[in-house]
Amino acid sequence: MTDGVTAPPPLQRESGRLAVLRQKATELESVFLAEMLGEAGLGEVSTGFGGGIGEEQFASFLRQEQARAIVAHGGIGLSESLFRALVKEEARNDS
């Protein structure tokens, strides 16, 4: 059963090394967004009626999943920029 969150398909089918590079770029964007969501205060424990230390510890997991969902629905375009830079660097190293 799926949760309805799927990544948009690339413009063309990628296999091998390009697929790995795209996955790594997507992961980097997710980590970046999770950090930005944390800095923005998403998931902060409320002082009046909070879940205590457990809520504090698991808030980062929630932010990470929210960041992955954002990226799966198009993100902010960072993964595409990262992917292109990685491909360019790899092509330079192969030459």
PDB file of N, CA and C in Angstrom:
ATOM      1  N   MET A   1       0.850  -1.180   0.000  1.00  0.00           N
ATOM      2  CA  MET A   1       0.000   0.000   0.000  1.00  0.00           C
ATOM      3  C   MET A   1       0.886   1.230   0.000  1.00  0.00           C
ATOM      4  N   THR A   2       0.550   2.208  -0.825  1.00  0.00           N
ATOM      5  CA  THR A   2       1.354   3.418  -0.890  1.00  0.00           C
ATOM      6  C   THR A   2       0.637   4.547  -0.186  1.00  0.00           C
ATOM      7  N   ASP A   3       1.406   5.561   0.171  1.00  0.00           N
ATOM      8  CA  ASP A   3       0.827   6.707   0.865  1.00  0.00           C
ATOM      9  C   ASP A   3       0.492   7.848  -0.080  1.00  0.00           C
ATOM     10  N   GLY A   4       0.622   7.624  -1.379  1.00  0.00           N
ATOM     11  CA  GLY A   4       0.274   8.643  -2.354  1.00  0.00           C
ATOM     12  C   GLY A   4       1.405   9.609  -2.639  1.00  0.00           C
ATOM     13  N   VAL A   5       2.559   9.440  -2.012  1.00  0.00           N
ATOM     14  CA  VAL A   5       3.696  10.320  -2.235  1.00  0.00           C
ATOM     15  C   VAL A   5       4.654   9.620  -3.185  1.00  0.00           C
ATOM     16  N   THR A   6       4.761  10.133  -4.388  1.00  0.00           N
ATOM     17  CA  THR A   6       5.694   9.571  -5.354  1.00  0.00           C
ATOM     18  C   THR A   6       6.493  10.690  -5.993  1.00  0.00           C
ATOM     19  N   ALA A   7       7.706  10.372  -6.347  1.00  0.00           N
ATOM     20  CA  ALA A   7       8.564  11.361  -6.990  1.00  0.00           C
ATOM     21  C   ALA A   7       8.108  11.562  -8.433  1.00  0.00           C
ATOM     22  N   PRO A   8       8.212  12.787  -8.930  1.00  0.00           N
ATOM     23  CA  PRO A   8       7.873  13.002 -10.323  1.00  0.00           C
ATOM     24  C   PRO A   8       8.862  12.254 -11.204  1.00  0.00           C
ATOM     25  N   PRO A   9       8.392  11.674 -12.304  1.00  0.00           N
ATOM     26  CA  PRO A   9       9.312  10.906 -13.147  1.00  0.00           C
ATOM     27  C   PRO A   9      10.298  11.832 -13.843  1.00  0.00           C
ATOM     28  N   PRO A  10      11.548  11.378 -14.017  1.00  0.00           N
ATOM     29  CA  PRO A  10      12.494  12.188 -14.761  1.00  0.00           C
ATOM     30  C   PRO A  10      12.045  12.334 -16.205  1.00  0.00           C
ATOM     31  N   LEU A  11      12.585  13.324 -16.896  1.00  0.00           N
ATOM     32  CA  LEU A  11      12.181  13.563 -18.273  1.00  0.00           C
ATOM     33  C   LEU A  11      12.473  12.372 -19.161  1.00  0.00           C
ATOM     34  N   GLN A  12      13.526  11.668 -18.886  1.00  0.00           N
ATOM     35  CA  GLN A  12      13.838  10.456 -19.620  1.00  0.00           C
ATOM     36  C   GLN A  12      14.241   9.378 -18.637  1.00  0.00           C
ATOM     37  N   ARG A  13      14.123   8.141 -19.043  1.00  0.00           N
ATOM     38  CA  ARG A  13      14.495   7.040 -18.153  1.00  0.00           C
ATOM     39  C   ARG A  13      15.997   7.085 -17.913  1.00  0.00           C
ATOM     40  N   GLU A  14      16.371   6.998 -16.650  1.00  0.00           N
ATOM     41  CA  GLU A  14      17.777   7.007 -16.301  1.00  0.00           C
ATOM     42  C   GLU A  14      18.120   5.660 -15.698  1.00  0.00           C
ATOM     43  N   SER A  15      19.303   5.210 -15.996  1.00  0.00           N
ATOM     44  CA  SER A  15      19.727   3.950 -15.408  1.00  0.00           C
ATOM     45  C   SER A  15      21.175   4.084 -14.986  1.00  0.00           C
ATOM     46  N   GLY A  16      21.591   3.146 -14.202  1.00  0.00           N
ATOM     47  CA  GLY A  16      22.983   3.109 -13.803  1.00  0.00           C
ATOM     48  C   GLY A  16      23.409   4.306 -12.979  1.00  0.00           C
ATOM     49  N   ARG A  17      24.515   4.874 -13.368  1.00  0.00           N
ATOM     50  CA  ARG A  17      25.145   5.942 -12.591  1.00  0.00           C
ATOM     51  C   ARG A  17      24.273   7.191 -12.528  1.00  0.00           C
ATOM     52  N   LEU A  18      23.570   7.541 -13.600  1.00  0.00           N
ATOM     53  CA  LEU A  18      22.714   8.731 -13.575  1.00  0.00           C
ATOM     54  C   LEU A  18      21.590   8.590 -12.556  1.00  0.00           C
ATOM     55  N   ALA A  19      21.024   7.403 -12.454  1.00  0.00           N
ATOM     56  CA  ALA A  19      19.960   7.170 -11.468  1.00  0.00           C
ATOM     57  C   ALA A  19      20.500   7.320 -10.045  1.00  0.00           C
ATOM     58  N   VAL A  20      21.718   6.844  -9.823  1.00  0.00           N
ATOM     59  CA  VAL A  20      22.339   6.971  -8.500  1.00  0.00           C
ATOM     60  C   VAL A  20      22.593   8.444  -8.187  1.00  0.00           C
ATOM     61  N   LEU A  21      23.103   9.197  -9.158  1.00  0.00           N
ATOM     62  CA  LEU A  21      23.363  10.620  -8.949  1.00  0.00           C
ATOM     63  C   LEU A  21      22.078  11.390  -8.663  1.00  0.00           C
ATOM     64  N   ARG A  22      20.993  11.054  -9.382  1.00  0.00           N
ATOM     65  CA  ARG A  22      19.723  11.737  -9.137  1.00  0.00           C
ATOM     66  C   ARG A  22      19.201  11.415  -7.735  1.00  0.00           C
ATOM     67  N   GLN A  23      19.340  10.160  -7.316  1.00  0.00           N
ATOM     68  CA  GLN A  23      18.902   9.767  -5.974  1.00  0.00           C
ATOM     69  C   GLN A  23      19.681  10.527  -4.904  1.00  0.00           C
ATOM     70  N   LYS A  24      20.987  10.641  -5.079  1.00  0.00           N
ATOM     71  CA  LYS A  24      21.815  11.359  -4.107  1.00  0.00           C
ATOM     72  C   LYS A  24      21.448  12.841  -4.068  1.00  0.00           C
ATOM     73  N   ALA A  25      21.180  13.433  -5.223  1.00  0.00           N
ATOM     74  CA  ALA A  25      20.773  14.841  -5.276  1.00  0.00           C
ATOM     75  C   ALA A  25      19.439  15.043  -4.565  1.00  0.00           C
ATOM     76  N   THR A  26      18.527  14.108  -4.741  1.00  0.00           N
ATOM     77  CA  THR A  26      17.225  14.175  -4.075  1.00  0.00           C
ATOM     78  C   THR A  26      17.383  14.043  -2.566  1.00  0.00           C
ATOM     79  N   GLU A  27      18.248  13.141  -2.137  1.00  0.00           N
ATOM     80  CA  GLU A  27      18.502  12.972  -0.703  1.00  0.00           C
ATOM     81  C   GLU A  27      19.100  14.243  -0.104  1.00  0.00           C
ATOM     82  N   LEU A  28      20.018  14.873  -0.823  1.00  0.00           N
ATOM     83  CA  LEU A  28      20.620  16.116  -0.347  1.00  0.00           C
ATOM     84  C   LEU A  28      19.574  17.223  -0.191  1.00  0.00           C
ATOM     85  N   GLU A  29      18.657  17.316  -1.165  1.00  0.00           N
ATOM     86  CA  GLU A  29      17.609  18.331  -1.056  1.00  0.00           C
ATOM     87  C   GLU A  29      16.712  18.035   0.147  1.00  0.00           C
ATOM     88  N   SER A  30      16.411  16.775   0.392  1.00  0.00           N
ATOM     89  CA  SER A  30      15.583  16.408   1.540  1.00  0.00           C
ATOM     90  C   SER A  30      16.246  16.796   2.854  1.00  0.00           C
ATOM     91  N   VAL A  31      17.536  16.517   2.971  1.00  0.00           N
ATOM     92  CA  VAL A  31      18.259  16.855   4.191  1.00  0.00           C
ATOM     93  C   VAL A  31      18.286  18.371   4.376  1.00  0.00           C
ATOM     94  N   PHE A  32      18.549  19.095   3.301  1.00  0.00           N
ATOM     95  CA  PHE A  32      18.574  20.558   3.371  1.00  0.00           C
ATOM     96  C   PHE A  32      17.218  21.104   3.823  1.00  0.00           C
ATOM     97  N   LEU A  33      16.143  20.611   3.213  1.00  0.00           N
ATOM     98  CA  LEU A  33      14.808  21.088   3.584  1.00  0.00           C
ATOM     99  C   LEU A  33      14.464  20.727   5.027  1.00  0.00           C
ATOM    100  N   ALA A  34      14.849  19.554   5.478  1.00  0.00           N
ATOM    101  CA  ALA A  34      14.582  19.162   6.867  1.00  0.00           C
ATOM    102  C   ALA A  34      15.276  20.122   7.822  1.00  0.00           C
ATOM    103  N   GLU A  35      16.502  20.495   7.512  1.00  0.00           N
ATOM    104  CA  GLU A  35      17.220  21.447   8.360  1.00  0.00           C
ATOM    105  C   GLU A  35      16.544  22.817   8.336  1.00  0.00           C
ATOM    106  N   MET A  36      16.108  23.246   7.171  1.00  0.00           N
ATOM    107  CA  MET A  36      15.443  24.546   7.063  1.00  0.00           C
ATOM    108  C   MET A  36      14.101  24.540   7.806  1.00  0.00           C
ATOM    109  N   LEU A  37      13.382  23.425   7.726  1.00  0.00           N
ATOM    110  CA  LEU A  37      12.121  23.325   8.464  1.00  0.00           C
ATOM    111  C   LEU A  37      12.376  23.398   9.967  1.00  0.00           C
ATOM    112  N   GLY A  38      13.452  22.764  10.411  1.00  0.00           N
ATOM    113  CA  GLY A  38      13.811  22.820  11.824  1.00  0.00           C
ATOM    114  C   GLY A  38      14.173  24.231  12.253  1.00  0.00           C
ATOM    115  N   GLU A  39      14.943  24.926  11.422  1.00  0.00           N
ATOM    116  CA  GLU A  39      15.326  26.303  11.736  1.00  0.00           C
ATOM    117  C   GLU A  39      14.125  27.243  11.722  1.00  0.00           C
ATOM    118  N   ALA A  40      13.133  26.893  10.923  1.00  0.00           N
ATOM    119  CA  ALA A  40      11.919  27.708  10.859  1.00  0.00           C
ATOM    120  C   ALA A  40      11.002  27.462  12.055  1.00  0.00           C
ATOM    121  N   GLY A  41      11.335  26.452  12.859  1.00  0.00           N
ATOM    122  CA  GLY A  41      10.560  26.198  14.065  1.00  0.00           C
ATOM    123  C   GLY A  41       9.502  25.119  13.914  1.00  0.00           C
ATOM    124  N   LEU A  42       9.459  24.444  12.783  1.00  0.00           N
ATOM    125  CA  LEU A  42       8.477  23.380  12.592  1.00  0.00           C
ATOM    126  C   LEU A  42       8.795  22.225  13.537  1.00  0.00           C
ATOM    127  N   GLY A  43       7.832  21.817  14.307  1.00  0.00           N
ATOM    128  CA  GLY A  43       8.002  20.701  15.220  1.00  0.00           C
ATOM    129  C   GLY A  43       8.525  21.086  16.583  1.00  0.00           C
ATOM    130  N   GLU A  44       8.585  22.391  16.866  1.00  0.00           N
ATOM    131  CA  GLU A  44       9.024  22.810  18.199  1.00  0.00           C
ATOM    132  C   GLU A  44       8.009  22.370  19.243  1.00  0.00           C
ATOM    133  N   VAL A  45       8.510  21.999  20.385  1.00  0.00           N
ATOM    134  CA  VAL A  45       7.660  21.528  21.479  1.00  0.00           C
ATOM    135  C   VAL A  45       6.980  22.741  22.116  1.00  0.00           C
ATOM    136  N   SER A  46       5.671  22.637  22.271  1.00  0.00           N
ATOM    137  CA  SER A  46       4.952  23.721  22.936  1.00  0.00           C
ATOM    138  C   SER A  46       5.186  23.629  24.443  1.00  0.00           C
ATOM    139  N   THR A  47       5.261  24.766  25.088  1.00  0.00           N
ATOM    140  CA  THR A  47       5.567  24.761  26.517  1.00  0.00           C
ATOM    141  C   THR A  47       4.346  24.457  27.375  1.00  0.00           C
ATOM    142  N   GLY A  48       3.165  24.784  26.889  1.00  0.00           N
ATOM    143  CA  GLY A  48       1.973  24.591  27.692  1.00  0.00           C
ATOM    144  C   GLY A  48       1.520  23.148  27.793  1.00  0.00           C
ATOM    145  N   PHE A  49       1.450  22.477  26.672  1.00  0.00           N
ATOM    146  CA  PHE A  49       0.942  21.107  26.669  1.00  0.00           C
ATOM    147  C   PHE A  49       1.701  20.336  25.601  1.00  0.00           C
ATOM    148  N   GLY A  50       2.873  19.875  25.947  1.00  0.00           N
ATOM    149  CA  GLY A  50       3.711  19.179  24.986  1.00  0.00           C
ATOM    150  C   GLY A  50       3.856  17.720  25.337  1.00  0.00           C
ATOM    151  N   GLY A  51       4.514  16.989  24.457  1.00  0.00           N
ATOM    152  CA  GLY A  51       4.718  15.570  24.655  1.00  0.00           C
ATOM    153  C   GLY A  51       6.000  15.234  25.381  1.00  0.00           C
ATOM    154  N   GLY A  52       6.666  16.234  25.908  1.00  0.00           N
ATOM    155  CA  GLY A  52       7.888  15.988  26.674  1.00  0.00           C
ATOM    156  C   GLY A  52       9.064  15.661  25.801  1.00  0.00           C
ATOM    157  N   ILE A  53       9.990  14.932  26.384  1.00  0.00           N
ATOM    158  CA  ILE A  53      11.236  14.635  25.687  1.00  0.00           C
ATOM    159  C   ILE A  53      11.008  13.729  24.477  1.00  0.00           C
ATOM    160  N   GLY A  54      10.033  12.872  24.527  1.00  0.00           N
ATOM    161  CA  GLY A  54       9.722  12.001  23.394  1.00  0.00           C
ATOM    162  C   GLY A  54       9.337  12.789  22.164  1.00  0.00           C
ATOM    163  N   GLU A  55       8.498  13.793  22.362  1.00  0.00           N
ATOM    164  CA  GLU A  55       8.089  14.638  21.243  1.00  0.00           C
ATOM    165  C   GLU A  55       9.296  15.370  20.668  1.00  0.00           C
ATOM    166  N   GLU A  56      10.153  15.833  21.535  1.00  0.00           N
ATOM    167  CA  GLU A  56      11.348  16.553  21.120  1.00  0.00           C
ATOM    168  C   GLU A  56      12.257  15.652  20.280  1.00  0.00           C
ATOM    169  N   GLN A  57      12.418  14.417  20.703  1.00  0.00           N
ATOM    170  CA  GLN A  57      13.307  13.497  20.006  1.00  0.00           C
ATOM    171  C   GLN A  57      12.766  13.071  18.647  1.00  0.00           C
ATOM    172  N   PHE A  58      11.459  12.920  18.536  1.00  0.00           N
ATOM    173  CA  PHE A  58      10.890  12.425  17.287  1.00  0.00           C
ATOM    174  C   PHE A  58      10.500  13.534  16.315  1.00  0.00           C
ATOM    175  N   ALA A  59      10.611  14.776  16.725  1.00  0.00           N
ATOM    176  CA  ALA A  59      10.281  15.894  15.835  1.00  0.00           C
ATOM    177  C   ALA A  59      11.180  15.902  14.605  1.00  0.00           C
ATOM    178  N   SER A  60      12.442  15.507  14.762  1.00  0.00           N
ATOM    179  CA  SER A  60      13.353  15.493  13.609  1.00  0.00           C
ATOM    180  C   SER A  60      12.927  14.451  12.577  1.00  0.00           C
ATOM    181  N   PHE A  61      12.383  13.320  13.040  1.00  0.00           N
ATOM    182  CA  PHE A  61      11.892  12.307  12.104  1.00  0.00           C
ATOM    183  C   PHE A  61      10.709  12.842  11.302  1.00  0.00           C
ATOM    184  N   LEU A  62       9.832  13.554  11.974  1.00  0.00           N
ATOM    185  CA  LEU A  62       8.685  14.147  11.303  1.00  0.00           C
ATOM    186  C   LEU A  62       9.144  15.165  10.265  1.00  0.00           C
ATOM    187  N   ARG A  63      10.079  16.024  10.639  1.00  0.00           N
ATOM    188  CA  ARG A  63      10.594  17.018   9.683  1.00  0.00           C
ATOM    189  C   ARG A  63      11.238  16.346   8.484  1.00  0.00           C
ATOM    190  N   GLN A  64      11.983  15.272   8.711  1.00  0.00           N
ATOM    191  CA  GLN A  64      12.627  14.569   7.601  1.00  0.00           C
ATOM    192  C   GLN A  64      11.595  13.989   6.646  1.00  0.00           C
ATOM    193  N   GLU A  65      10.543  13.387   7.171  1.00  0.00           N
ATOM    194  CA  GLU A  65       9.498  12.830   6.308  1.00  0.00           C
ATOM    195  C   GLU A  65       8.738  13.934   5.564  1.00  0.00           C
ATOM    196  N   GLN A  66       8.506  15.044   6.236  1.00  0.00           N
ATOM    197  CA  GLN A  66       7.858  16.173   5.571  1.00  0.00           C
ATOM    198  C   GLN A  66       8.744  16.713   4.457  1.00  0.00           C
ATOM    199  N   ALA A  67      10.040  16.779   4.693  1.00  0.00           N
ATOM    200  CA  ALA A  67      10.976  17.240   3.666  1.00  0.00           C
ATOM    201  C   ALA A  67      10.978  16.281   2.473  1.00  0.00           C
ATOM    202  N   ARG A  68      10.947  14.980   2.745  1.00  0.00           N
ATOM    203  CA  ARG A  68      10.898  14.000   1.648  1.00  0.00           C
ATOM    204  C   ARG A  68       9.623  14.164   0.830  1.00  0.00           C
ATOM    205  N   ALA A  69       8.516  14.432   1.505  1.00  0.00           N
ATOM    206  CA  ALA A  69       7.249  14.636   0.791  1.00  0.00           C
ATOM    207  C   ALA A  69       7.309  15.886  -0.070  1.00  0.00           C
ATOM    208  N   ILE A  70       7.929  16.940   0.437  1.00  0.00           N
ATOM    209  CA  ILE A  70       8.073  18.168  -0.341  1.00  0.00           C
ATOM    210  C   ILE A  70       8.892  17.895  -1.601  1.00  0.00           C
ATOM    211  N   VAL A  71      10.004  17.184  -1.443  1.00  0.00           N
ATOM    212  CA  VAL A  71      10.864  16.868  -2.581  1.00  0.00           C
ATOM    213  C   VAL A  71      10.133  15.963  -3.571  1.00  0.00           C
ATOM    214  N   ALA A  72       9.372  15.000  -3.062  1.00  0.00           N
ATOM    215  CA  ALA A  72       8.629  14.091  -3.934  1.00  0.00           C
ATOM    216  C   ALA A  72       7.593  14.823  -4.773  1.00  0.00           C
ATOM    217  N   HIS A  73       7.137  15.954  -4.297  1.00  0.00           N
ATOM    218  CA  HIS A  73       6.147  16.742  -5.040  1.00  0.00           C
ATOM    219  C   HIS A  73       6.776  17.923  -5.770  1.00  0.00           C
ATOM    220  N   GLY A  74       8.058  17.825  -6.067  1.00  0.00           N
ATOM    221  CA  GLY A  74       8.701  18.853  -6.860  1.00  0.00           C
ATOM    222  C   GLY A  74       9.751  19.648  -6.121  1.00  0.00           C
ATOM    223  N   GLY A  75       9.668  19.699  -4.810  1.00  0.00           N
ATOM    224  CA  GLY A  75      10.676  20.391  -4.019  1.00  0.00           C
ATOM    225  C   GLY A  75      10.846  21.847  -4.387  1.00  0.00           C
ATOM    226  N   ILE A  76      12.061  22.342  -4.197  1.00  0.00           N
ATOM    227  CA  ILE A  76      12.363  23.735  -4.498  1.00  0.00           C
ATOM    228  C   ILE A  76      13.316  23.850  -5.682  1.00  0.00           C
ATOM    229  N   GLY A  77      13.575  22.729  -6.351  1.00  0.00           N
ATOM    230  CA  GLY A  77      14.442  22.730  -7.516  1.00  0.00           C
ATOM    231  C   GLY A  77      15.911  22.509  -7.198  1.00  0.00           C
ATOM    232  N   LEU A  78      16.228  22.364  -5.944  1.00  0.00           N
ATOM    233  CA  LEU A  78      17.619  22.187  -5.552  1.00  0.00           C
ATOM    234  C   LEU A  78      18.180  20.865  -6.054  1.00  0.00           C
ATOM    235  N   SER A  79      17.399  19.805  -6.020  1.00  0.00           N
ATOM    236  CA  SER A  79      17.914  18.497  -6.436  1.00  0.00           C
ATOM    237  C   SER A  79      18.292  18.490  -7.915  1.00  0.00           C
ATOM    238  N   GLU A  80      17.551  19.202  -8.739  1.00  0.00           N
ATOM    239  CA  GLU A  80      17.885  19.262 -10.167  1.00  0.00           C
ATOM    240  C   GLU A  80      19.216  19.988 -10.376  1.00  0.00           C
ATOM    241  N   SER A  81      19.421  21.071  -9.650  1.00  0.00           N
ATOM    242  CA  SER A  81      20.695  21.801  -9.742  1.00  0.00           C
ATOM    243  C   SER A  81      21.851  20.942  -9.249  1.00  0.00           C
ATOM    244  N   LEU A  82      21.632  20.248  -8.139  1.00  0.00           N
ATOM    245  CA  LEU A  82      22.658  19.362  -7.607  1.00  0.00           C
ATOM    246  C   LEU A  82      22.959  18.226  -8.587  1.00  0.00           C
ATOM    247  N   PHE A  83      21.925  17.653  -9.173  1.00  0.00           N
ATOM    248  CA  PHE A  83      22.090  16.566 -10.130  1.00  0.00           C
ATOM    249  C   PHE A  83      22.932  17.014 -11.317  1.00  0.00           C
ATOM    250  N   ARG A  84      22.602  18.165 -11.868  1.00  0.00           N
ATOM    251  CA  ARG A  84      23.363  18.667 -13.024  1.00  0.00           C
ATOM    252  C   ARG A  84      24.824  18.916 -12.654  1.00  0.00           C
ATOM    253  N   ALA A  85      25.064  19.454 -11.481  1.00  0.00           N
ATOM    254  CA  ALA A  85      26.438  19.695 -11.036  1.00  0.00           C
ATOM    255  C   ALA A  85      27.191  18.374 -10.846  1.00  0.00           C
ATOM    256  N   LEU A  86      26.520  17.375 -10.292  1.00  0.00           N
ATOM    257  CA  LEU A  86      27.151  16.071 -10.102  1.00  0.00           C
ATOM    258  C   LEU A  86      27.486  15.407 -11.434  1.00  0.00           C
ATOM    259  N   VAL A  87      26.561  15.490 -12.390  1.00  0.00           N
ATOM    260  CA  VAL A  87      26.801  14.911 -13.717  1.00  0.00           C
ATOM    261  C   VAL A  87      27.967  15.622 -14.396  1.00  0.00           C
ATOM    262  N   LYS A  88      27.989  16.936 -14.315  1.00  0.00           N
ATOM    263  CA  LYS A  88      29.057  17.719 -14.918  1.00  0.00           C
ATOM    264  C   LYS A  88      30.414  17.353 -14.302  1.00  0.00           C
ATOM    265  N   GLU A  89      30.449  17.249 -12.979  1.00  0.00           N
ATOM    266  CA  GLU A  89      31.692  16.898 -12.284  1.00  0.00           C
ATOM    267  C   GLU A  89      32.143  15.495 -12.646  1.00  0.00           C
ATOM    268  N   GLU A  90      31.202  14.567 -12.730  1.00  0.00           N
ATOM    269  CA  GLU A  90      31.562  13.203 -13.088  1.00  0.00           C
ATOM    270  C   GLU A  90      32.090  13.137 -14.516  1.00  0.00           C
ATOM    271  N   ALA A  91      31.481  13.878 -15.424  1.00  0.00           N
ATOM    272  CA  ALA A  91      31.950  13.900 -16.802  1.00  0.00           C
ATOM    273  C   ALA A  91      33.356  14.492 -16.874  1.00  0.00           C
ATOM    274  N   ARG A  92      33.623  15.490 -16.070  1.00  0.00           N
ATOM    275  CA  ARG A  92      34.952  16.108 -16.039  1.00  0.00           C
ATOM    276  C   ARG A  92      35.977  15.112 -15.506  1.00  0.00           C
ATOM    277  N   ASN A  93      35.598  14.336 -14.494  1.00  0.00           N
ATOM    278  CA  ASN A  93      36.520  13.347 -13.920  1.00  0.00           C
ATOM    279  C   ASN A  93      36.759  12.169 -14.855  1.00  0.00           C
ATOM    280  N   ASP A  94      35.786  11.843 -15.708  1.00  0.00           N
ATOM    281  CA  ASP A  94      35.931  10.729 -16.638  1.00  0.00           C
ATOM    282  C   ASP A  94      36.828  11.100 -17.821  1.00  0.00           C
ATOM    283  N   SER A  95      36.953  12.398 -18.086  1.00  0.00           N
ATOM    284  CA  SER A  95      37.749  12.825 -19.252  1.00  0.00           C
ATOM    285  C   SER A  95      39.220  12.727 -19.008  1.00  0.00           C
TER     286      SER A  95
END
